[in-house]
Amino acid sequence: MGFWDSLKAFFAMPSGTGVSSHDPNGVYFHFRCSRCGSVVQVRADRRNDFNRFDAGVGPSSLLLRKDVMDNTCYQLMHAEIWVDGSYAPVSTSVTGGKLITPDEYDNALAAADQQQTPAE
């Protein structure tokens, strides 16, 4: 592993539930654009980005509304994600794309890196 790979691995977001140990207030969600198929990682701040609702208003008490844009075709994706107390998605609605798992995001990035790496 080279220097740049080590540096990239150090700053990379961990896979899993979307909660990072390096960023205690950040919750990460991953999206795939329905037009071009590119993937996007989005950070939501626990302190500011989630709206709290009384019980019975929705499937959970925390709602995240986020507009996401990829950097390939620049399509805007509108996301509405209800999460539980541990910030795991309970109900999602995404127009212009879909919510994907951190593993799907990592696999898409690895596949994109494989395509960009010249054959030796």
Protein backbone atom coordinates (compact mmCIF):
# COMPACT_ATOMS: atom_id res chain seq x y z
CA MET A 1 0.00 0.00 0.00
CA GLY A 2 1.44 3.33 -1.07
CA PHE A 3 1.48 6.61 0.78
CA TRP A 4 -1.63 7.97 -0.98
CA ASP A 5 -3.55 4.74 -0.39
CA SER A 6 -2.69 4.93 3.32
CA LEU A 7 -3.78 8.55 3.49
CA LYS A 8 -7.01 7.77 1.63
CA ALA A 9 -7.75 4.85 3.97
CA PHE A 10 -7.12 7.06 7.01
CA PHE A 11 -9.68 9.65 5.90
CA ALA A 12 -12.20 7.20 4.42
CA MET A 13 -15.63 6.90 6.00
CA PRO A 14 -16.19 3.56 7.67
CA SER A 15 -18.83 1.15 6.37
CA GLY A 16 -21.70 0.01 8.52
CA THR A 17 -24.76 1.75 9.86
CA GLY A 18 -23.78 5.18 8.62
CA VAL A 19 -22.59 6.40 12.02
CA SER A 20 -18.89 7.25 12.06
CA SER A 21 -16.60 6.89 15.05
CA HIS A 22 -14.39 9.65 13.58
CA ASP A 23 -17.35 12.03 13.36
CA PRO A 24 -19.66 11.60 16.37
CA ASN A 25 -22.27 14.07 15.08
CA GLY A 26 -22.30 12.84 11.49
CA VAL A 27 -24.64 10.25 10.00
CA TYR A 28 -23.81 9.11 6.47
CA PHE A 29 -26.26 8.09 3.76
CA HIS A 30 -25.44 6.77 0.31
CA PHE A 31 -27.40 7.32 -2.89
CA ARG A 32 -27.33 6.07 -6.49
CA CYS A 33 -28.54 8.38 -9.27
CA SER A 34 -31.32 6.86 -11.37
CA ARG A 35 -30.14 8.65 -14.52
CA CYS A 36 -26.38 7.97 -14.66
CA GLY A 37 -25.87 5.40 -11.89
CA SER A 38 -23.19 7.36 -10.04
CA VAL A 39 -23.03 7.07 -6.26
CA VAL A 40 -22.96 9.87 -3.70
CA GLN A 41 -22.19 9.92 0.02
CA VAL A 42 -24.00 12.56 2.06
CA ARG A 43 -23.36 13.62 5.65
CA ALA A 44 -26.23 14.64 7.90
CA ASP A 45 -25.54 16.36 11.21
CA ARG A 46 -27.42 14.86 14.17
CA ARG A 47 -27.65 18.27 15.82
CA ASN A 48 -29.09 20.25 12.90
CA ASP A 49 -30.38 18.20 9.97
CA PHE A 50 -33.01 15.98 11.56
CA ASN A 51 -36.53 17.20 12.34
CA ARG A 52 -38.20 15.77 15.44
CA PHE A 53 -41.89 14.90 15.35
CA ASP A 54 -44.36 13.68 17.95
CA ALA A 55 -45.35 10.01 17.88
CA GLY A 56 -48.00 9.21 15.29
CA VAL A 57 -46.93 11.83 12.75
CA GLY A 58 -44.76 9.42 10.76
CA PRO A 59 -43.18 5.99 10.96
CA SER A 60 -40.61 7.33 13.43
CA SER A 61 -39.87 10.51 15.33
CA LEU A 62 -36.85 11.71 13.28
CA LEU A 63 -37.07 12.93 9.68
CA LEU A 64 -34.27 13.97 7.35
CA ARG A 65 -35.08 15.89 4.18
CA LYS A 66 -32.07 16.26 1.90
CA ASP A 67 -31.48 17.36 -1.68
CA VAL A 68 -28.56 15.46 -3.19
CA MET A 69 -26.74 16.08 -6.47
CA ASP A 70 -24.24 13.75 -8.10
CA ASN A 71 -21.17 15.05 -9.92
CA THR A 72 -21.69 13.20 -13.20
CA CYS A 73 -25.04 14.25 -14.68
CA TYR A 74 -25.95 16.77 -11.95
CA GLN A 75 -29.44 15.37 -11.43
CA LEU A 76 -31.06 16.53 -8.21
CA MET A 77 -32.33 13.76 -5.95
CA HIS A 78 -34.89 14.62 -3.27
CA ALA A 79 -34.70 12.37 -0.22
CA GLU A 80 -37.06 12.02 2.73
CA ILE A 81 -35.73 9.53 5.26
CA TRP A 82 -37.39 8.58 8.54
CA VAL A 83 -34.86 7.13 11.01
CA ASP A 84 -35.12 5.48 14.41
CA GLY A 85 -33.27 6.48 17.58
CA SER A 86 -30.04 4.86 16.35
CA TYR A 87 -30.33 6.75 13.01
CA ALA A 88 -31.05 3.62 10.98
CA PRO A 89 -33.53 4.20 8.13
CA VAL A 90 -37.09 3.10 8.89
CA SER A 91 -38.84 4.50 5.81
CA THR A 92 -37.32 6.18 2.74
CA SER A 93 -38.58 8.09 -0.26
CA VAL A 94 -36.06 9.23 -2.88
CA THR A 95 -37.02 10.79 -6.21
CA GLY A 96 -34.39 10.79 -8.93
CA GLY A 97 -32.34 8.05 -7.26
CA LYS A 98 -32.33 5.48 -4.52
CA LEU A 99 -30.82 4.94 -1.09
CA ILE A 100 -28.10 2.26 -1.12
CA THR A 101 -26.13 0.48 1.58
CA PRO A 102 -22.58 1.50 2.54
CA ASP A 103 -21.35 -1.80 1.04
CA GLU A 104 -23.01 -1.04 -2.30
CA TYR A 105 -21.40 2.40 -2.21
CA ASP A 106 -17.94 0.93 -1.47
CA ASN A 107 -18.35 -1.66 -4.24
CA ALA A 108 -19.37 1.02 -6.76
CA LEU A 109 -16.32 3.11 -5.85
CA ALA A 110 -14.05 0.08 -6.15
CA ALA A 111 -15.52 -0.77 -9.56
CA ALA A 112 -15.03 2.83 -10.72
CA ASP A 113 -11.40 2.73 -9.52
CA GLN A 114 -10.87 -0.54 -11.42
CA GLN A 115 -12.18 1.06 -14.65
CA GLN A 116 -9.95 4.12 -14.25
CA THR A 117 -6.79 2.14 -13.47
CA PRO A 118 -4.88 1.52 -16.71
CA ALA A 119 -4.08 -2.09 -17.57
CA GLU A 120 -0.44 -3.03 -17.11
